[in-house]
Structure formats: structure tokens, C-alpha cells
């Protein structure tokens, strides 16, 4: 561990989940014998534009832009993000140097407190919420896939910290929320998960459940420190999932799902989907490859999706008024 580094400036957003992630990274660096981290909270455009439809204002990078600018400007030494909120193509000079072990990657349905519902299947969910529920989510990917399960559903964006969202749900503002299971579990709200959506029904966002540590490519000392906490299997899964998005054009907020999971001792199974915004059409591809060839596996699956018509679906989605991107869960 480089002895000359006494403290690292760690840049992060200030949300509940972002701070959990930042402190977890700092604790793991310290446990590995590295220097202490000073948390630097950076307010992003996505935080400031609480009422805006963010896709029209610049898309997903609004949650990371100011943090990446601070990293490029050497105002901080490393940045911690929910990896699903990072664009597929990073700014020049930056790299993902480490990721933490993945939490539950699935999407989760959360029902109002006190409803007494026990959901075991998708059929139970539809029976409970009815044919025309109001579902809180701003994710175009989730809406596209959920429309195939519940065509009559109305979707409304919901912003704010987890506690704020749950209060709005419990006050009767929605029949259900769809959030990332990872955020609920990390913030101690796993008991609020009414049903985890199976991958067959809703493929998660690329990188969902993965905390990423971003650094300057040229900063060898910080890269060496951060490398000590890298989870190689999760890093490979993230590389495969991000490669799918890159192969499909690297859009910030598009109806693309991708999930890589272990296959045997040294393999990855990658499933990915592109779904029409109205749910009318879905293309799905799956492949298995070596963990050491994660990028190639992602490109292979992305290319197969494109060849099966994904480009038409994505172009149609871009022509429509873009739904607001999901706030980090």
C-alpha cells in the first residue's frame, strides 16, 4: 500500500444510499490497510432538479457529472457511484478501478404498509393490485417490462430518498412502488419487499446492485489502494453488462436490461433484453462465456440483440418523449 497517501478524498452524492455506499467503501479500504477517507458530498444536477424530467435535461449522467468533473479536476481522489447510474462510456481519463460484491440485483415490488398481502408469484401481484394500478417508478426499463405484465397500469415518477418514497406510498399516493432490491436491503428495509421480480419478467438494469469506485486512470497510487477492495467476479459481471449497453449505442436511459451471473467455476451467463416502451415487443438474448472474456461476451449479446431488431426499438424509444430516468434506489 503506498505509504505516502495519508488521506483520500472520496466524492459522493448526499443521498441515504450514496452515503451508505461511500462509508462502506471507506471502511473496506481501511480494513485492507489503506488510508482513511474523507467523505466529500457533491450535489449533482440530478439532486438539484428534483421536479424536472431528467432525461430531457441530459439523462442519467446528471447523477454523476459534477462528481466526475471534481475527479478530473483533482478536487477528489476517488468517486463512489451506484454503477447503474454511470454512462456506458466514461469520460476520457477516468476508469472503474474496483467494485464491491454485488447485492441482490433484482427489482422489487413494495406495497403500502399494513396491506397484509403475501405475494409469492406474479399472478398474486396482479391479483392484489388489480388491472389498473398506479405504480411509482420513473425507469423506462421497468415501465416497458411491467407493461407486458399489467397493460393497464399507470406509471408515475417518484423522487427523493427511500424514506420519502415509502411515506408517499404508505400515504396512498401509489398502489405499489418498484425499486431496486439492493437499495432496500442496504438501507435496512428488506422487510418492505413484497415480491422480488424474477429475471424472466423483469431483467434488471445493467450494474444494478453494484457499487463502483471511479478513479483517474493516471493516478497509479490511488488505483493501487482501490484495487485491494475489488471483487473480481462482480467486476467481470459489470463489464459484461456495460458492454451490452455500449454495443447498443451507449444510451443513458433506454429500455435495456442486462444481468450476468456465475456459470460454473470460470464462466458467466449473460441475459439481456430490449423492450418497446409500450411493452408491445421484447427481444431477449442469452449467452455463456469465460469470466476473463466478459467484455467480448457483452459485445456478443449486444450485437445479437441489435441484429434481432433492438435498434428499431431503441430508435422508436428515442423518438418518443423520454421518460424520466430512475433516481438511484
Protein backbone atom coordinates (compact mmCIF):
# COMPACT_ATOMS: atom_id res chain seq x y z
CA UNK A 1 0.00 0.00 0.00
CA UNK A 2 1.54 3.35 -0.96
CA UNK A 3 2.85 4.85 2.27
CA UNK A 4 2.72 8.45 1.00
CA UNK A 5 -1.09 8.59 0.94
CA UNK A 6 -2.41 9.59 4.35
CA UNK A 7 -5.94 10.51 3.39
CA UNK A 8 -8.15 10.04 0.37
CA UNK A 9 -10.87 12.49 -0.61
CA UNK A 10 -13.88 10.37 -1.53
CA UNK A 11 -16.57 12.09 -3.62
CA UNK A 12 -20.21 11.03 -3.38
CA UNK A 13 -23.76 12.25 -3.62
CA UNK A 14 -25.51 13.01 -0.35
CA UNK A 15 -28.49 10.65 -0.51
CA UNK A 16 -29.09 7.92 2.05
CA UNK A 17 -27.90 5.18 -0.27
CA UNK A 18 -24.97 7.16 -1.66
CA UNK A 19 -23.65 7.82 1.84
CA UNK A 20 -24.07 4.16 2.80
CA UNK A 21 -22.02 3.22 -0.26
CA UNK A 22 -19.33 5.82 0.45
CA UNK A 23 -18.88 4.74 4.06
CA UNK A 24 -18.80 1.08 3.02
CA UNK A 25 -16.00 1.77 0.52
CA UNK A 26 -14.08 3.80 3.12
CA UNK A 27 -14.43 1.01 5.68
CA UNK A 28 -13.22 -1.63 3.24
CA UNK A 29 -10.20 0.46 2.26
CA UNK A 30 -9.31 0.93 5.92
CA UNK A 31 -9.80 -2.78 6.65
CA UNK A 32 -7.40 -3.61 3.79
CA UNK A 33 -4.72 -1.45 5.42
CA UNK A 34 -5.28 1.61 3.27
CA UNK A 35 -5.52 5.27 4.26
CA UNK A 36 -8.55 6.90 5.82
CA UNK A 37 -11.13 8.51 3.55
CA UNK A 38 -12.67 11.95 3.99
CA UNK A 39 -16.19 11.96 2.58
CA UNK A 40 -16.81 14.90 0.23
CA UNK A 41 -20.51 15.37 -0.58
CA UNK A 42 -21.11 16.78 -4.06
CA UNK A 43 -24.57 17.92 -5.11
CA UNK A 44 -25.27 16.82 -8.66
CA UNK A 45 -27.61 18.25 -11.25
CA UNK A 46 -29.91 15.30 -10.65
CA UNK A 47 -30.17 16.28 -6.99
CA UNK A 48 -30.99 19.88 -7.83
CA UNK A 49 -33.59 19.09 -10.50
CA UNK A 50 -35.99 17.33 -8.18
CA UNK A 51 -39.07 18.28 -10.20
CA UNK A 52 -37.63 18.02 -13.72
CA UNK A 53 -38.00 15.19 -16.18
CA UNK A 54 -34.33 14.44 -16.17
CA UNK A 55 -33.96 12.58 -19.46
CA UNK A 56 -34.91 15.73 -21.32
CA UNK A 57 -32.30 17.65 -19.31
CA UNK A 58 -29.40 15.34 -20.04
CA UNK A 59 -30.21 11.83 -18.86
CA UNK A 60 -28.52 9.58 -16.41
CA UNK A 61 -25.17 11.36 -16.25
CA UNK A 62 -26.87 14.14 -14.27
CA UNK A 63 -26.31 11.93 -11.20
CA UNK A 64 -22.54 11.67 -11.75
CA UNK A 65 -21.38 14.61 -13.87
CA UNK A 66 -20.33 17.00 -11.11
CA UNK A 67 -18.60 14.19 -9.23
CA UNK A 68 -16.68 13.12 -12.33
CA UNK A 69 -15.76 16.75 -13.03
CA UNK A 70 -14.37 17.03 -9.50
CA UNK A 71 -12.38 13.84 -10.06
CA UNK A 72 -10.96 15.07 -13.35
CA UNK A 73 -10.10 18.38 -11.69
CA UNK A 74 -8.24 16.61 -8.84
CA UNK A 75 -10.64 18.04 -6.26
CA UNK A 76 -11.26 14.49 -5.04
CA UNK A 77 -9.19 11.30 -5.32
CA UNK A 78 -11.92 8.74 -5.95
CA UNK A 79 -15.65 8.68 -6.57
CA UNK A 80 -18.25 6.17 -5.43
CA UNK A 81 -21.38 5.54 -7.50
CA UNK A 82 -24.23 3.14 -7.95
CA UNK A 83 -22.82 1.61 -11.11
CA UNK A 84 -26.20 1.52 -12.87
CA UNK A 85 -26.18 5.32 -12.80
CA UNK A 86 -22.94 5.59 -14.76
CA UNK A 87 -23.00 6.03 -18.55
CA UNK A 88 -21.69 3.13 -20.61
CA UNK A 89 -18.85 5.28 -21.95
CA UNK A 90 -16.84 7.04 -19.23
CA UNK A 91 -15.22 10.46 -19.74
CA UNK A 92 -11.66 10.27 -21.02
CA UNK A 93 -9.14 9.85 -18.24
CA UNK A 94 -11.46 8.04 -15.82
CA UNK A 95 -11.81 4.33 -15.07
CA UNK A 96 -13.72 1.99 -12.79
CA UNK A 97 -10.90 0.69 -10.57
CA UNK A 98 -12.93 -1.50 -8.22
CA UNK A 99 -16.40 -2.73 -7.41
CA UNK A 100 -17.84 -4.17 -4.20
CA UNK A 101 -19.50 -7.59 -4.03
CA UNK A 102 -22.93 -7.43 -5.62
CA UNK A 103 -26.08 -7.14 -3.55
CA UNK A 104 -29.39 -8.61 -4.76
CA UNK A 105 -29.67 -7.32 -8.36
CA UNK A 106 -33.42 -7.80 -8.80
CA UNK A 107 -36.19 -5.25 -8.98
CA UNK A 108 -38.59 -5.39 -6.03
CA UNK A 109 -42.27 -4.56 -5.64
CA UNK A 110 -43.12 -2.64 -2.47
CA UNK A 111 -46.76 -2.41 -1.34
CA UNK A 112 -48.25 0.06 1.14
CA UNK A 113 -47.58 -0.82 4.78
CA UNK A 114 -50.35 -2.68 6.57
CA UNK A 115 -51.85 -4.16 3.43
CA UNK A 116 -51.37 -7.69 4.71
CA UNK A 117 -50.59 -9.08 1.28
CA UNK A 118 -48.31 -12.09 0.94
CA UNK A 119 -47.14 -12.32 -2.65
CA UNK A 120 -45.47 -15.47 -3.94
CA UNK A 121 -45.97 -15.14 -7.68
CA UNK A 122 -46.54 -12.58 -10.40
CA UNK A 123 -50.13 -13.79 -10.50
CA UNK A 124 -50.51 -12.86 -6.84
CA UNK A 125 -49.17 -9.39 -7.63
CA UNK A 126 -51.60 -8.74 -10.47
CA UNK A 127 -54.49 -10.09 -8.39
CA UNK A 128 -53.58 -7.78 -5.50
CA UNK A 129 -53.01 -4.50 -7.36
CA UNK A 130 -55.73 -5.05 -9.97
CA UNK A 131 -55.71 -4.33 -13.66
CA UNK A 132 -55.20 -0.54 -13.46
CA UNK A 133 -52.80 0.17 -10.59
CA UNK A 134 -50.74 3.31 -10.16
CA UNK A 135 -47.12 2.21 -9.87
CA UNK A 136 -44.34 4.51 -8.72
CA UNK A 137 -41.29 4.28 -10.95
CA UNK A 138 -39.56 6.63 -13.36
CA UNK A 139 -37.49 3.94 -15.06
CA UNK A 140 -38.28 3.44 -18.74
CA UNK A 141 -36.80 -0.07 -18.49
CA UNK A 142 -39.11 -1.06 -15.64
CA UNK A 143 -42.17 0.51 -17.24
CA UNK A 144 -41.57 -1.23 -20.56
CA UNK A 145 -41.26 -4.65 -18.95
CA UNK A 146 -44.07 -4.18 -16.42
CA UNK A 147 -46.49 -3.12 -19.17
CA UNK A 148 -46.17 -6.64 -20.51
CA UNK A 149 -47.37 -7.99 -17.15
CA UNK A 150 -50.00 -5.35 -16.42
CA UNK A 151 -51.01 -3.44 -19.58
CA UNK A 152 -53.49 -1.22 -17.74
CA UNK A 153 -51.01 0.12 -15.19
CA UNK A 154 -50.30 3.84 -14.89
CA UNK A 155 -46.72 4.78 -14.05
CA UNK A 156 -45.72 7.87 -12.13
CA UNK A 157 -42.16 9.05 -11.39
CA UNK A 158 -41.24 9.20 -7.72
CA UNK A 159 -38.19 11.04 -6.42
CA UNK A 160 -36.42 11.52 -3.12
CA UNK A 161 -34.69 9.39 -0.51
CA UNK A 162 -36.05 5.95 0.30
CA UNK A 163 -37.86 7.17 3.44
CA UNK A 164 -39.61 9.86 1.39
CA UNK A 165 -40.74 7.38 -1.23
CA UNK A 166 -42.06 4.93 1.34
CA UNK A 167 -44.01 7.71 3.10
CA UNK A 168 -45.64 8.69 -0.20
CA UNK A 169 -46.56 5.06 -0.85
CA UNK A 170 -47.97 4.48 2.63
CA UNK A 171 -49.96 7.72 2.43
CA UNK A 172 -51.88 6.30 -0.52
CA UNK A 173 -50.11 8.01 -3.38
CA UNK A 174 -49.43 4.74 -5.20
CA UNK A 175 -50.68 1.18 -5.28
CA UNK A 176 -47.09 -0.07 -5.40
CA UNK A 177 -43.51 1.04 -5.94
CA UNK A 178 -40.85 -0.78 -7.93
CA UNK A 179 -37.38 -0.20 -6.52
CA UNK A 180 -34.01 -1.93 -6.62
CA UNK A 181 -33.89 -4.68 -4.01
CA UNK A 182 -30.25 -3.77 -3.34
CA UNK A 183 -31.08 -0.30 -2.04
CA UNK A 184 -33.84 -1.61 0.18
CA UNK A 185 -31.57 -4.26 1.67
CA UNK A 186 -28.61 -1.94 2.17
CA UNK A 187 -30.76 0.62 3.98
CA UNK A 188 -32.35 -1.93 6.30
CA UNK A 189 -35.73 -2.01 4.55
CA UNK A 190 -35.66 -5.58 3.22
CA UNK A 191 -38.86 -6.32 5.13
CA UNK A 192 -40.70 -3.93 2.80
CA UNK A 193 -40.02 -6.14 -0.23
CA UNK A 194 -43.37 -7.69 -1.14
CA UNK A 195 -42.12 -9.54 -4.22
CA UNK A 196 -38.78 -9.76 -5.98
CA UNK A 197 -39.45 -9.67 -9.72
CA UNK A 198 -37.90 -12.72 -11.43
CA UNK A 199 -35.49 -12.13 -14.29
CA UNK A 200 -37.91 -13.85 -16.66
CA UNK A 201 -40.34 -10.99 -16.02
CA UNK A 202 -38.06 -8.01 -15.45
CA UNK A 203 -34.37 -8.04 -16.33
CA UNK A 204 -32.53 -5.60 -14.03
CA UNK A 205 -30.62 -2.53 -15.14
CA UNK A 206 -27.00 -3.14 -16.14
CA UNK A 207 -24.94 -2.76 -12.98
CA UNK A 208 -27.89 -2.86 -10.59
CA UNK A 209 -26.77 -3.77 -7.06
CA UNK A 210 -23.09 -2.96 -7.75
CA UNK A 211 -21.14 -0.17 -6.06
CA UNK A 212 -18.39 1.17 -8.34
CA UNK A 213 -15.25 3.11 -7.42
CA UNK A 214 -14.08 5.50 -10.13
CA UNK A 215 -10.57 7.00 -10.27
CA UNK A 216 -8.27 8.88 -12.62
CA UNK A 217 -6.56 6.46 -14.97
CA UNK A 218 -3.23 8.20 -14.43
CA UNK A 219 -3.34 8.04 -10.62
CA UNK A 220 -1.39 4.84 -10.05
CA UNK A 221 -1.15 5.32 -6.28
CA UNK A 222 -4.89 5.60 -5.75
CA UNK A 223 -5.55 2.78 -8.23
CA UNK A 224 -3.27 0.53 -6.17
CA UNK A 225 -5.16 1.36 -2.97
CA UNK A 226 -8.56 0.83 -4.54
CA UNK A 227 -7.55 -2.43 -6.22
CA UNK A 228 -7.27 -4.02 -2.77
CA UNK A 229 -11.07 -3.99 -2.35
CA UNK A 230 -12.04 -5.09 -5.87
CA UNK A 231 -14.37 -8.08 -6.21
CA UNK A 232 -13.17 -9.67 -9.43
CA UNK A 233 -16.26 -11.77 -10.15
CA UNK A 234 -18.58 -8.79 -9.73
CA UNK A 235 -16.25 -6.61 -11.80
CA UNK A 236 -16.47 -9.12 -14.65
CA UNK A 237 -20.27 -9.20 -14.42
CA UNK A 238 -20.37 -5.40 -14.58
CA UNK A 239 -18.03 -5.35 -17.57
CA UNK A 240 -20.27 -7.76 -19.47
CA UNK A 241 -23.43 -5.81 -18.69
CA UNK A 242 -21.91 -2.44 -19.59
CA UNK A 243 -20.58 -3.90 -22.84
CA UNK A 244 -24.15 -4.78 -23.85
CA UNK A 245 -25.19 -1.14 -23.48
CA UNK A 246 -22.10 0.09 -25.32
CA UNK A 247 -22.77 -2.31 -28.21
CA UNK A 248 -26.31 -0.92 -28.46
CA UNK A 249 -25.16 2.67 -28.61
CA UNK A 250 -24.45 3.57 -25.01
CA UNK A 251 -27.72 5.37 -24.34
CA UNK A 252 -28.20 6.97 -20.93
CA UNK A 253 -31.79 5.95 -20.27
CA UNK A 254 -33.11 3.25 -22.53
CA UNK A 255 -35.30 0.12 -22.13
CA UNK A 256 -32.29 -2.20 -21.82
CA UNK A 257 -31.90 -4.85 -19.12
CA UNK A 258 -28.81 -6.99 -18.60
CA UNK A 259 -27.70 -9.38 -15.87
CA UNK A 260 -24.56 -11.52 -15.71
CA UNK A 261 -24.40 -14.35 -13.18
CA UNK A 262 -21.81 -17.07 -12.44
CA UNK A 263 -21.90 -20.15 -14.65
CA UNK A 264 -19.68 -22.90 -13.31
CA UNK A 265 -16.33 -22.06 -11.82
CA UNK A 266 -14.98 -19.74 -14.51
CA UNK A 267 -17.98 -18.79 -16.61
CA UNK A 268 -20.59 -16.06 -16.88
CA UNK A 269 -24.17 -16.41 -18.05
CA UNK A 270 -25.44 -13.16 -19.52
CA UNK A 271 -29.09 -12.44 -20.26
CA UNK A 272 -30.16 -9.16 -21.79
CA UNK A 273 -33.33 -7.66 -23.18
CA UNK A 274 -34.58 -4.64 -25.11
CA UNK A 275 -38.28 -3.87 -24.72
CA UNK A 276 -40.53 -1.45 -26.58
CA UNK A 277 -41.64 1.41 -24.33
CA UNK A 278 -45.29 0.38 -24.68
CA UNK A 279 -44.42 -3.24 -23.89
CA UNK A 280 -45.59 -4.44 -27.31
CA UNK A 281 -42.33 -6.09 -28.28
CA UNK A 282 -39.41 -7.61 -26.42
CA UNK A 283 -36.14 -9.07 -27.69
CA UNK A 284 -34.10 -11.27 -25.40
CA UNK A 285 -30.70 -12.89 -25.86
CA UNK A 286 -28.62 -15.12 -23.61
CA UNK A 287 -25.07 -16.49 -23.84
CA UNK A 288 -22.38 -18.07 -21.69
CA UNK A 289 -18.71 -17.11 -21.85
CA UNK A 290 -15.50 -17.17 -19.88
CA UNK A 291 -15.23 -14.74 -16.98
CA UNK A 292 -11.96 -13.49 -18.45
CA UNK A 293 -13.78 -12.52 -21.66
CA UNK A 294 -16.58 -10.51 -20.08
CA UNK A 295 -16.32 -7.58 -22.48
CA UNK A 296 -16.46 -9.88 -25.50
CA UNK A 297 -19.46 -11.70 -24.05
CA UNK A 298 -21.31 -8.42 -23.59
CA UNK A 299 -20.49 -7.28 -27.10
CA UNK A 300 -21.67 -10.63 -28.47
CA UNK A 301 -25.03 -10.38 -26.72
CA UNK A 302 -25.45 -6.71 -27.61
CA UNK A 303 -24.70 -7.43 -31.25
CA UNK A 304 -27.20 -10.30 -31.25
CA UNK A 305 -29.87 -8.01 -29.80
CA UNK A 306 -29.15 -5.40 -32.45
CA UNK A 307 -29.36 -8.00 -35.19
CA UNK A 308 -32.73 -9.15 -33.88
CA UNK A 309 -34.20 -5.67 -34.15
CA UNK A 310 -33.18 -3.89 -30.96
CA UNK A 311 -32.00 -0.89 -32.94
CA UNK A 312 -35.54 -0.24 -34.19
CA UNK A 313 -36.96 -0.45 -30.67
CA UNK A 314 -34.34 1.91 -29.27
CA UNK A 315 -34.80 4.38 -32.12
CA UNK A 316 -38.54 4.37 -31.51
CA UNK A 317 -37.97 4.95 -27.79
CA UNK A 318 -35.71 7.90 -28.58
CA UNK A 319 -38.36 9.44 -30.83
CA UNK A 320 -40.94 9.41 -28.06
CA UNK A 321 -40.85 11.90 -25.21
CA UNK A 322 -38.23 10.27 -22.99
CA UNK A 323 -39.43 9.05 -19.60
CA UNK A 324 -37.54 10.39 -16.60
CA UNK A 325 -34.63 8.17 -15.57
CA UNK A 326 -34.81 6.28 -12.33
CA UNK A 327 -33.36 8.09 -9.35
CA UNK A 328 -30.77 5.85 -7.64
CA UNK A 329 -32.67 3.36 -5.47
